[in-house]
All heavy atoms as atom14 arrays in JSON, in Angstrom:
{
  "sequence": "NTALINTINEQQRFQHAVVSLATAVSAENGEAFLRRLTAHMAEALSA",
  "atom14_mask": [
    [1, 1, 1, 1, 1, 1, 1, 1, 0, 0, 0, 0, 0, 0],
    [1, 1, 1, 1, 1, 1, 1, 0, 0, 0, 0, 0, 0, 0],
    [1, 1, 1, 1, 1, 0, 0, 0, 0, 0, 0, 0, 0, 0],
    [1, 1, 1, 1, 1, 1, 1, 1, 0, 0, 0, 0, 0, 0],
    [1, 1, 1, 1, 1, 1, 1, 1, 0, 0, 0, 0, 0, 0],
    [1, 1, 1, 1, 1, 1, 1, 1, 0, 0, 0, 0, 0, 0],
    [1, 1, 1, 1, 1, 1, 1, 0, 0, 0, 0, 0, 0, 0],
    [1, 1, 1, 1, 1, 1, 1, 1, 0, 0, 0, 0, 0, 0],
    [1, 1, 1, 1, 1, 1, 1, 1, 0, 0, 0, 0, 0, 0],
    [1, 1, 1, 1, 1, 1, 1, 1, 1, 0, 0, 0, 0, 0],
    [1, 1, 1, 1, 1, 1, 1, 1, 1, 0, 0, 0, 0, 0],
    [1, 1, 1, 1, 1, 1, 1, 1, 1, 0, 0, 0, 0, 0],
    [1, 1, 1, 1, 1, 1, 1, 1, 1, 1, 1, 0, 0, 0],
    [1, 1, 1, 1, 1, 1, 1, 1, 1, 1, 1, 0, 0, 0],
    [1, 1, 1, 1, 1, 1, 1, 1, 1, 0, 0, 0, 0, 0],
    [1, 1, 1, 1, 1, 1, 1, 1, 1, 1, 0, 0, 0, 0],
    [1, 1, 1, 1, 1, 0, 0, 0, 0, 0, 0, 0, 0, 0],
    [1, 1, 1, 1, 1, 1, 1, 0, 0, 0, 0, 0, 0, 0],
    [1, 1, 1, 1, 1, 1, 1, 0, 0, 0, 0, 0, 0, 0],
    [1, 1, 1, 1, 1, 1, 0, 0, 0, 0, 0, 0, 0, 0],
    [1, 1, 1, 1, 1, 1, 1, 1, 0, 0, 0, 0, 0, 0],
    [1, 1, 1, 1, 1, 0, 0, 0, 0, 0, 0, 0, 0, 0],
    [1, 1, 1, 1, 1, 1, 1, 0, 0, 0, 0, 0, 0, 0],
    [1, 1, 1, 1, 1, 0, 0, 0, 0, 0, 0, 0, 0, 0],
    [1, 1, 1, 1, 1, 1, 1, 0, 0, 0, 0, 0, 0, 0],
    [1, 1, 1, 1, 1, 1, 0, 0, 0, 0, 0, 0, 0, 0],
    [1, 1, 1, 1, 1, 0, 0, 0, 0, 0, 0, 0, 0, 0],
    [1, 1, 1, 1, 1, 1, 1, 1, 1, 0, 0, 0, 0, 0],
    [1, 1, 1, 1, 1, 1, 1, 1, 0, 0, 0, 0, 0, 0],
    [1, 1, 1, 1, 0, 0, 0, 0, 0, 0, 0, 0, 0, 0],
    [1, 1, 1, 1, 1, 1, 1, 1, 1, 0, 0, 0, 0, 0],
    [1, 1, 1, 1, 1, 0, 0, 0, 0, 0, 0, 0, 0, 0],
    [1, 1, 1, 1, 1, 1, 1, 1, 1, 1, 1, 0, 0, 0],
    [1, 1, 1, 1, 1, 1, 1, 1, 0, 0, 0, 0, 0, 0],
    [1, 1, 1, 1, 1, 1, 1, 1, 1, 1, 1, 0, 0, 0],
    [1, 1, 1, 1, 1, 1, 1, 1, 1, 1, 1, 0, 0, 0],
    [1, 1, 1, 1, 1, 1, 1, 1, 0, 0, 0, 0, 0, 0],
    [1, 1, 1, 1, 1, 1, 1, 0, 0, 0, 0, 0, 0, 0],
    [1, 1, 1, 1, 1, 0, 0, 0, 0, 0, 0, 0, 0, 0],
    [1, 1, 1, 1, 1, 1, 1, 1, 1, 1, 0, 0, 0, 0],
    [1, 1, 1, 1, 1, 1, 1, 1, 0, 0, 0, 0, 0, 0],
    [1, 1, 1, 1, 1, 0, 0, 0, 0, 0, 0, 0, 0, 0],
    [1, 1, 1, 1, 1, 1, 1, 1, 1, 0, 0, 0, 0, 0],
    [1, 1, 1, 1, 1, 0, 0, 0, 0, 0, 0, 0, 0, 0],
    [1, 1, 1, 1, 1, 1, 1, 1, 0, 0, 0, 0, 0, 0],
    [1, 1, 1, 1, 1, 1, 0, 0, 0, 0, 0, 0, 0, 0],
    [1, 1, 1, 1, 1, 0, 0, 0, 0, 0, 0, 0, 0, 0]
  ],
  "atom14_positions": [
    [[90.06, 91.5, 76.69], [90.55, 92.83, 77.02], [89.74, 93.46, 78.15], [90.29, 94.15, 79.02], [90.51, 93.73, 75.8], [91.57, 93.35, 74.75], [92.54, 92.69, 75.08], [91.38, 93.75, 73.51], [0.0, 0.0, 0.0], [0.0, 0.0, 0.0], [0.0, 0.0, 0.0], [0.0, 0.0, 0.0], [0.0, 0.0, 0.0], [0.0, 0.0, 0.0]],
    [[88.41, 93.24, 78.11], [87.59, 93.76, 79.2], [87.99, 93.16, 80.53], [88.1, 93.87, 81.53], [86.09, 93.46, 78.89], [85.73, 94.09, 77.67], [85.21, 93.98, 80.01], [0.0, 0.0, 0.0], [0.0, 0.0, 0.0], [0.0, 0.0, 0.0], [0.0, 0.0, 0.0], [0.0, 0.0, 0.0], [0.0, 0.0, 0.0], [0.0, 0.0, 0.0]],
    [[88.2, 91.83, 80.51], [88.62, 91.15, 81.76], [89.97, 91.69, 82.21], [90.21, 91.88, 83.42], [88.68, 89.64, 81.54], [0.0, 0.0, 0.0], [0.0, 0.0, 0.0], [0.0, 0.0, 0.0], [0.0, 0.0, 0.0], [0.0, 0.0, 0.0], [0.0, 0.0, 0.0], [0.0, 0.0, 0.0], [0.0, 0.0, 0.0], [0.0, 0.0, 0.0]],
    [[90.87, 91.92, 81.24], [92.2, 92.43, 81.57], [92.09, 93.82, 82.17], [92.76, 94.14, 83.17], [93.08, 92.45, 80.32], [94.52, 92.95, 80.51], [95.25, 92.08, 81.52], [95.26, 92.97, 79.17], [0.0, 0.0, 0.0], [0.0, 0.0, 0.0], [0.0, 0.0, 0.0], [0.0, 0.0, 0.0], [0.0, 0.0, 0.0], [0.0, 0.0, 0.0]],
    [[91.23, 94.67, 81.55], [91.04, 96.02, 82.08], [90.46, 95.96, 83.48], [90.89, 96.72, 84.37], [90.14, 96.83, 81.12], [90.86, 97.1, 79.81], [89.69, 98.14, 81.79], [89.99, 97.7, 78.74], [0.0, 0.0, 0.0], [0.0, 0.0, 0.0], [0.0, 0.0, 0.0], [0.0, 0.0, 0.0], [0.0, 0.0, 0.0], [0.0, 0.0, 0.0]],
    [[89.5, 95.07, 83.69], [88.92, 94.94, 85.02], [89.96, 94.49, 86.05], [89.98, 94.97, 87.18], [87.75, 93.93, 85.0], [86.55, 94.46, 84.23], [86.39, 95.69, 84.09], [85.71, 93.57, 83.75], [0.0, 0.0, 0.0], [0.0, 0.0, 0.0], [0.0, 0.0, 0.0], [0.0, 0.0, 0.0], [0.0, 0.0, 0.0], [0.0, 0.0, 0.0]],
    [[90.83, 93.56, 85.6], [91.88, 93.1, 86.5], [92.85, 94.23, 86.84], [93.26, 94.41, 87.99], [92.66, 91.94, 85.86], [91.74, 90.86, 85.61], [93.76, 91.45, 86.78], [0.0, 0.0, 0.0], [0.0, 0.0, 0.0], [0.0, 0.0, 0.0], [0.0, 0.0, 0.0], [0.0, 0.0, 0.0], [0.0, 0.0, 0.0], [0.0, 0.0, 0.0]],
    [[93.21, 95.01, 85.8], [94.12, 96.15, 86.03], [93.48, 97.15, 86.96], [94.12, 97.67, 87.87], [94.5, 96.8, 84.69], [95.36, 95.84, 83.86], [95.22, 98.13, 84.92], [95.63, 96.31, 82.45], [0.0, 0.0, 0.0], [0.0, 0.0, 0.0], [0.0, 0.0, 0.0], [0.0, 0.0, 0.0], [0.0, 0.0, 0.0], [0.0, 0.0, 0.0]],
    [[92.18, 97.42, 86.73], [91.47, 98.35, 87.61], [91.45, 97.85, 89.04], [91.62, 98.61, 90.01], [90.06, 98.58, 87.11], [90.03, 99.39, 85.82], [90.96, 100.1, 85.51], [88.93, 99.27, 85.07], [0.0, 0.0, 0.0], [0.0, 0.0, 0.0], [0.0, 0.0, 0.0], [0.0, 0.0, 0.0], [0.0, 0.0, 0.0], [0.0, 0.0, 0.0]],
    [[91.25, 96.5, 89.17], [91.23, 95.92, 90.52], [92.59, 96.04, 91.17], [92.71, 96.34, 92.37], [90.79, 94.45, 90.42], [90.73, 93.73, 91.77], [89.66, 94.25, 92.69], [88.73, 94.93, 92.19], [89.75, 94.02, 93.91], [0.0, 0.0, 0.0], [0.0, 0.0, 0.0], [0.0, 0.0, 0.0], [0.0, 0.0, 0.0], [0.0, 0.0, 0.0]],
    [[93.66, 95.8, 90.37], [94.99, 95.93, 90.92], [95.29, 97.37, 91.34], [95.87, 97.6, 92.39], [96.01, 95.48, 89.87], [95.98, 93.99, 89.58], [96.9, 93.6, 88.45], [97.45, 94.46, 87.78], [97.05, 92.3, 88.23], [0.0, 0.0, 0.0], [0.0, 0.0, 0.0], [0.0, 0.0, 0.0], [0.0, 0.0, 0.0], [0.0, 0.0, 0.0]],
    [[94.86, 98.34, 90.49], [95.09, 99.72, 90.81], [94.33, 100.11, 92.1], [94.85, 100.84, 92.94], [94.67, 100.61, 89.64], [95.61, 100.47, 88.44], [95.09, 101.25, 87.23], [93.91, 101.63, 87.2], [95.97, 101.48, 86.27], [0.0, 0.0, 0.0], [0.0, 0.0, 0.0], [0.0, 0.0, 0.0], [0.0, 0.0, 0.0], [0.0, 0.0, 0.0]],
    [[93.08, 99.61, 92.19], [92.29, 99.9, 93.38], [92.95, 99.32, 94.61], [93.06, 99.98, 95.67], [90.88, 99.28, 93.25], [89.97, 99.56, 94.44], [88.73, 98.69, 94.37], [89.04, 97.29, 94.55], [89.25, 96.74, 95.75], [89.21, 97.46, 96.83], [89.53, 95.46, 95.83], [0.0, 0.0, 0.0], [0.0, 0.0, 0.0], [0.0, 0.0, 0.0]],
    [[93.46, 98.1, 94.48], [94.11, 97.44, 95.61], [95.41, 98.16, 96.0], [95.68, 98.38, 97.18], [94.4, 95.98, 95.25], [95.11, 95.24, 96.34], [94.44, 94.87, 97.5], [96.45, 94.92, 96.22], [95.07, 94.18, 98.49], [97.1, 94.24, 97.22], [96.42, 93.87, 98.36], [0.0, 0.0, 0.0], [0.0, 0.0, 0.0], [0.0, 0.0, 0.0]],
    [[96.19, 98.54, 94.96], [97.44, 99.23, 95.23], [97.19, 100.58, 95.91], [97.92, 100.98, 96.82], [98.23, 99.42, 93.95], [98.79, 98.09, 93.41], [99.5, 98.24, 92.08], [99.57, 99.35, 91.55], [100.0, 97.15, 91.55], [0.0, 0.0, 0.0], [0.0, 0.0, 0.0], [0.0, 0.0, 0.0], [0.0, 0.0, 0.0], [0.0, 0.0, 0.0]],
    [[96.15, 101.27, 95.45], [95.81, 102.55, 96.07], [95.46, 102.36, 97.54], [95.87, 103.14, 98.4], [94.63, 103.19, 95.34], [94.14, 104.47, 95.96], [94.84, 105.64, 95.89], [93.03, 104.72, 96.71], [94.16, 106.58, 96.56], [93.07, 106.04, 97.06], [0.0, 0.0, 0.0], [0.0, 0.0, 0.0], [0.0, 0.0, 0.0], [0.0, 0.0, 0.0]],
    [[94.7, 101.3, 97.81], [94.32, 101.02, 99.21], [95.54, 100.69, 100.06], [95.65, 101.12, 101.21], [93.32, 99.86, 99.26], [0.0, 0.0, 0.0], [0.0, 0.0, 0.0], [0.0, 0.0, 0.0], [0.0, 0.0, 0.0], [0.0, 0.0, 0.0], [0.0, 0.0, 0.0], [0.0, 0.0, 0.0], [0.0, 0.0, 0.0], [0.0, 0.0, 0.0]],
    [[96.48, 99.94, 99.44], [97.68, 99.56, 100.21], [98.56, 100.75, 100.48], [99.14, 100.89, 101.54], [98.45, 98.44, 99.47], [99.78, 98.17, 100.14], [97.61, 97.18, 99.42], [0.0, 0.0, 0.0], [0.0, 0.0, 0.0], [0.0, 0.0, 0.0], [0.0, 0.0, 0.0], [0.0, 0.0, 0.0], [0.0, 0.0, 0.0], [0.0, 0.0, 0.0]],
    [[98.7, 101.64, 99.46], [99.49, 102.87, 99.68], [98.85, 103.69, 100.78], [99.53, 104.25, 101.65], [99.57, 103.67, 98.38], [100.19, 105.05, 98.64], [100.42, 102.93, 97.36], [0.0, 0.0, 0.0], [0.0, 0.0, 0.0], [0.0, 0.0, 0.0], [0.0, 0.0, 0.0], [0.0, 0.0, 0.0], [0.0, 0.0, 0.0], [0.0, 0.0, 0.0]],
    [[97.53, 103.79, 100.8], [96.85, 104.5, 101.87], [97.12, 103.84, 103.22], [97.32, 104.51, 104.24], [95.32, 104.51, 101.63], [95.04, 105.16, 100.41], [0.0, 0.0, 0.0], [0.0, 0.0, 0.0], [0.0, 0.0, 0.0], [0.0, 0.0, 0.0], [0.0, 0.0, 0.0], [0.0, 0.0, 0.0], [0.0, 0.0, 0.0], [0.0, 0.0, 0.0]],
    [[97.15, 102.51, 103.22], [97.45, 101.77, 104.43], [98.87, 102.06, 104.92], [99.11, 102.24, 106.11], [97.3, 100.26, 104.17], [97.72, 99.3, 105.28], [96.98, 99.61, 106.55], [97.45, 97.89, 104.84], [0.0, 0.0, 0.0], [0.0, 0.0, 0.0], [0.0, 0.0, 0.0], [0.0, 0.0, 0.0], [0.0, 0.0, 0.0], [0.0, 0.0, 0.0]],
    [[99.83, 102.14, 103.99], [101.21, 102.44, 104.36], [101.3, 103.79, 105.04], [101.96, 103.96, 106.06], [102.11, 102.4, 103.12], [0.0, 0.0, 0.0], [0.0, 0.0, 0.0], [0.0, 0.0, 0.0], [0.0, 0.0, 0.0], [0.0, 0.0, 0.0], [0.0, 0.0, 0.0], [0.0, 0.0, 0.0], [0.0, 0.0, 0.0], [0.0, 0.0, 0.0]],
    [[100.63, 104.75, 104.44], [100.65, 106.09, 105.02], [99.99, 106.13, 106.39], [100.45, 106.8, 107.31], [99.94, 107.07, 104.06], [100.53, 107.0, 102.78], [99.98, 108.49, 104.59], [0.0, 0.0, 0.0], [0.0, 0.0, 0.0], [0.0, 0.0, 0.0], [0.0, 0.0, 0.0], [0.0, 0.0, 0.0], [0.0, 0.0, 0.0], [0.0, 0.0, 0.0]],
    [[98.91, 105.37, 106.54], [98.13, 105.41, 107.77], [98.84, 104.75, 108.95], [98.76, 105.21, 110.07], [96.76, 104.73, 107.55], [0.0, 0.0, 0.0], [0.0, 0.0, 0.0], [0.0, 0.0, 0.0], [0.0, 0.0, 0.0], [0.0, 0.0, 0.0], [0.0, 0.0, 0.0], [0.0, 0.0, 0.0], [0.0, 0.0, 0.0], [0.0, 0.0, 0.0]],
    [[99.58, 103.66, 108.65], [100.13, 102.89, 109.75], [101.61, 103.12, 109.98], [102.18, 102.6, 110.94], [99.89, 101.38, 109.55], [98.43, 101.1, 109.37], [100.7, 100.84, 108.37], [0.0, 0.0, 0.0], [0.0, 0.0, 0.0], [0.0, 0.0, 0.0], [0.0, 0.0, 0.0], [0.0, 0.0, 0.0], [0.0, 0.0, 0.0], [0.0, 0.0, 0.0]],
    [[102.27, 103.91, 109.09], [103.72, 104.03, 109.2], [104.14, 104.71, 110.51], [105.27, 104.52, 110.95], [104.26, 104.83, 108.01], [103.68, 106.12, 107.98], [0.0, 0.0, 0.0], [0.0, 0.0, 0.0], [0.0, 0.0, 0.0], [0.0, 0.0, 0.0], [0.0, 0.0, 0.0], [0.0, 0.0, 0.0], [0.0, 0.0, 0.0], [0.0, 0.0, 0.0]],
    [[103.26, 105.47, 111.12], [103.63, 106.15, 112.35], [103.24, 105.37, 113.62], [103.46, 105.82, 114.73], [102.97, 107.53, 112.41], [0.0, 0.0, 0.0], [0.0, 0.0, 0.0], [0.0, 0.0, 0.0], [0.0, 0.0, 0.0], [0.0, 0.0, 0.0], [0.0, 0.0, 0.0], [0.0, 0.0, 0.0], [0.0, 0.0, 0.0], [0.0, 0.0, 0.0]],
    [[102.64, 104.18, 113.39], [102.15, 103.39, 114.52], [103.19, 102.39, 114.99], [104.09, 102.01, 114.25], [100.85, 102.67, 114.13], [99.74, 103.57, 113.62], [99.08, 104.39, 114.74], [99.43, 104.14, 115.91], [98.25, 105.25, 114.43], [0.0, 0.0, 0.0], [0.0, 0.0, 0.0], [0.0, 0.0, 0.0], [0.0, 0.0, 0.0], [0.0, 0.0, 0.0]],
    [[103.04, 101.92, 116.2], [103.93, 100.91, 116.75], [103.14, 99.84, 117.46], [101.98, 100.06, 117.88], [104.93, 101.54, 117.74], [105.94, 102.44, 117.07], [106.86, 101.95, 116.46], [105.73, 103.76, 117.16], [0.0, 0.0, 0.0], [0.0, 0.0, 0.0], [0.0, 0.0, 0.0], [0.0, 0.0, 0.0], [0.0, 0.0, 0.0], [0.0, 0.0, 0.0]],
    [[103.73, 98.66, 117.58], [103.18, 97.59, 118.39], [101.75, 97.24, 118.08], [101.4, 97.03, 116.92], [0.0, 0.0, 0.0], [0.0, 0.0, 0.0], [0.0, 0.0, 0.0], [0.0, 0.0, 0.0], [0.0, 0.0, 0.0], [0.0, 0.0, 0.0], [0.0, 0.0, 0.0], [0.0, 0.0, 0.0], [0.0, 0.0, 0.0], [0.0, 0.0, 0.0]],
    [[100.92, 97.15, 119.09], [99.52, 96.74, 118.9], [98.75, 97.72, 118.05], [97.85, 97.34, 117.29], [98.86, 96.59, 120.26], [99.39, 95.43, 121.09], [98.63, 95.26, 122.39], [97.62, 95.99, 122.58], [99.01, 94.39, 123.19], [0.0, 0.0, 0.0], [0.0, 0.0, 0.0], [0.0, 0.0, 0.0], [0.0, 0.0, 0.0], [0.0, 0.0, 0.0]],
    [[99.08, 99.02, 118.16], [98.39, 99.99, 117.33], [98.61, 99.73, 115.84], [97.71, 99.83, 115.02], [98.86, 101.42, 117.68], [0.0, 0.0, 0.0], [0.0, 0.0, 0.0], [0.0, 0.0, 0.0], [0.0, 0.0, 0.0], [0.0, 0.0, 0.0], [0.0, 0.0, 0.0], [0.0, 0.0, 0.0], [0.0, 0.0, 0.0], [0.0, 0.0, 0.0]],
    [[99.83, 99.33, 115.49], [100.14, 98.97, 114.12], [99.3, 97.78, 113.65], [98.72, 97.77, 112.56], [101.63, 98.64, 114.02], [102.01, 97.95, 112.73], [102.19, 98.68, 111.56], [102.16, 96.57, 112.68], [102.52, 98.05, 110.38], [102.5, 95.94, 111.49], [102.68, 96.68, 110.35], [0.0, 0.0, 0.0], [0.0, 0.0, 0.0], [0.0, 0.0, 0.0]],
    [[99.24, 96.74, 114.49], [98.5, 95.54, 114.11], [97.02, 95.8, 113.97], [96.36, 95.27, 113.07], [98.76, 94.44, 115.13], [100.2, 93.92, 115.22], [100.34, 92.91, 116.31], [100.63, 93.31, 113.87], [0.0, 0.0, 0.0], [0.0, 0.0, 0.0], [0.0, 0.0, 0.0], [0.0, 0.0, 0.0], [0.0, 0.0, 0.0], [0.0, 0.0, 0.0]],
    [[96.45, 96.62, 114.87], [95.03, 96.96, 114.76], [94.76, 97.73, 113.48], [93.81, 97.43, 112.76], [94.6, 97.76, 115.98], [94.48, 96.95, 117.26], [93.66, 97.73, 118.3], [94.31, 99.0, 118.64], [95.22, 99.14, 119.62], [95.57, 98.09, 120.36], [95.75, 100.32, 119.89], [0.0, 0.0, 0.0], [0.0, 0.0, 0.0], [0.0, 0.0, 0.0]],
    [[95.61, 98.71, 113.2], [95.42, 99.51, 111.98], [95.61, 98.65, 110.73], [94.87, 98.75, 109.77], [96.4, 100.68, 111.99], [96.16, 101.69, 110.84], [94.82, 102.44, 111.01], [94.85, 103.21, 112.22], [95.3, 104.47, 112.28], [95.78, 105.05, 111.19], [95.26, 105.14, 113.41], [0.0, 0.0, 0.0], [0.0, 0.0, 0.0], [0.0, 0.0, 0.0]],
    [[96.61, 97.78, 110.77], [96.86, 96.88, 109.65], [95.65, 95.98, 109.37], [95.22, 95.81, 108.25], [98.08, 96.02, 109.94], [98.34, 94.86, 108.95], [98.6, 95.39, 107.56], [99.5, 94.01, 109.43], [0.0, 0.0, 0.0], [0.0, 0.0, 0.0], [0.0, 0.0, 0.0], [0.0, 0.0, 0.0], [0.0, 0.0, 0.0], [0.0, 0.0, 0.0]],
    [[95.09, 95.4, 110.42], [93.94, 94.5, 110.26], [92.76, 95.22, 109.65], [92.08, 94.73, 108.72], [93.53, 93.88, 111.59], [94.67, 93.24, 112.2], [92.45, 92.85, 111.42], [0.0, 0.0, 0.0], [0.0, 0.0, 0.0], [0.0, 0.0, 0.0], [0.0, 0.0, 0.0], [0.0, 0.0, 0.0], [0.0, 0.0, 0.0], [0.0, 0.0, 0.0]],
    [[92.47, 96.41, 110.16], [91.32, 97.18, 109.65], [91.52, 97.54, 108.18], [90.6, 97.38, 107.36], [91.13, 98.42, 110.5], [0.0, 0.0, 0.0], [0.0, 0.0, 0.0], [0.0, 0.0, 0.0], [0.0, 0.0, 0.0], [0.0, 0.0, 0.0], [0.0, 0.0, 0.0], [0.0, 0.0, 0.0], [0.0, 0.0, 0.0], [0.0, 0.0, 0.0]],
    [[92.69, 98.03, 107.83], [92.93, 98.44, 106.46], [93.05, 97.26, 105.51], [92.72, 97.35, 104.32], [94.18, 99.32, 106.38], [93.92, 100.73, 106.83], [93.51, 101.73, 105.95], [93.98, 101.31, 108.05], [93.38, 102.86, 106.63], [93.66, 102.64, 107.89], [0.0, 0.0, 0.0], [0.0, 0.0, 0.0], [0.0, 0.0, 0.0], [0.0, 0.0, 0.0]],
    [[93.55, 96.12, 106.01], [93.6, 94.92, 105.18], [92.2, 94.49, 104.77], [91.94, 94.19, 103.62], [94.29, 93.8, 105.96], [94.28, 92.44, 105.23], [94.99, 91.12, 106.23], [93.77, 91.01, 107.55], [0.0, 0.0, 0.0], [0.0, 0.0, 0.0], [0.0, 0.0, 0.0], [0.0, 0.0, 0.0], [0.0, 0.0, 0.0], [0.0, 0.0, 0.0]],
    [[91.27, 94.48, 105.73], [89.89, 94.11, 105.43], [89.28, 95.09, 104.43], [88.6, 94.71, 103.48], [89.08, 94.07, 106.72], [0.0, 0.0, 0.0], [0.0, 0.0, 0.0], [0.0, 0.0, 0.0], [0.0, 0.0, 0.0], [0.0, 0.0, 0.0], [0.0, 0.0, 0.0], [0.0, 0.0, 0.0], [0.0, 0.0, 0.0], [0.0, 0.0, 0.0]],
    [[89.58, 96.37, 104.62], [89.04, 97.38, 103.71], [89.6, 97.22, 102.3], [88.86, 97.28, 101.31], [89.36, 98.78, 104.23], [88.87, 99.91, 103.33], [89.29, 101.27, 103.83], [89.86, 101.36, 104.94], [89.06, 102.25, 103.11], [0.0, 0.0, 0.0], [0.0, 0.0, 0.0], [0.0, 0.0, 0.0], [0.0, 0.0, 0.0], [0.0, 0.0, 0.0]],
    [[90.92, 96.98, 102.2], [91.57, 96.84, 100.89], [91.01, 95.65, 100.11], [90.91, 95.71, 98.89], [93.06, 96.7, 101.07], [0.0, 0.0, 0.0], [0.0, 0.0, 0.0], [0.0, 0.0, 0.0], [0.0, 0.0, 0.0], [0.0, 0.0, 0.0], [0.0, 0.0, 0.0], [0.0, 0.0, 0.0], [0.0, 0.0, 0.0], [0.0, 0.0, 0.0]],
    [[90.62, 94.59, 100.81], [90.12, 93.39, 100.15], [88.6, 93.29, 100.15], [88.04, 92.26, 99.79], [90.73, 92.15, 100.82], [92.25, 92.02, 100.71], [92.75, 90.85, 101.52], [92.66, 91.89, 99.26], [0.0, 0.0, 0.0], [0.0, 0.0, 0.0], [0.0, 0.0, 0.0], [0.0, 0.0, 0.0], [0.0, 0.0, 0.0], [0.0, 0.0, 0.0]],
    [[87.93, 94.39, 100.56], [86.46, 94.42, 100.6], [85.91, 93.28, 101.47], [84.9, 92.66, 101.13], [85.87, 94.36, 99.18], [86.31, 95.44, 98.42], [0.0, 0.0, 0.0], [0.0, 0.0, 0.0], [0.0, 0.0, 0.0], [0.0, 0.0, 0.0], [0.0, 0.0, 0.0], [0.0, 0.0, 0.0], [0.0, 0.0, 0.0], [0.0, 0.0, 0.0]],
    [[86.61, 92.99, 102.56], [86.19, 91.9, 103.45], [85.44, 92.5, 104.65], [85.77, 93.59, 105.13], [87.4, 91.12, 103.93], [0.0, 0.0, 0.0], [0.0, 0.0, 0.0], [0.0, 0.0, 0.0], [0.0, 0.0, 0.0], [0.0, 0.0, 0.0], [0.0, 0.0, 0.0], [0.0, 0.0, 0.0], [0.0, 0.0, 0.0], [0.0, 0.0, 0.0]]
  ]
}
């Protein structure tokens, strides 16, 4: 159960980061979109 809770928390953390990413990049186009996507992808995955 602890592992499951940790996994759920990790999923929620990841989903929150992705929703933030959607909001951040939805107004961008072209290269600006790709740069923002790359930065937020690394942040969402703690890379």
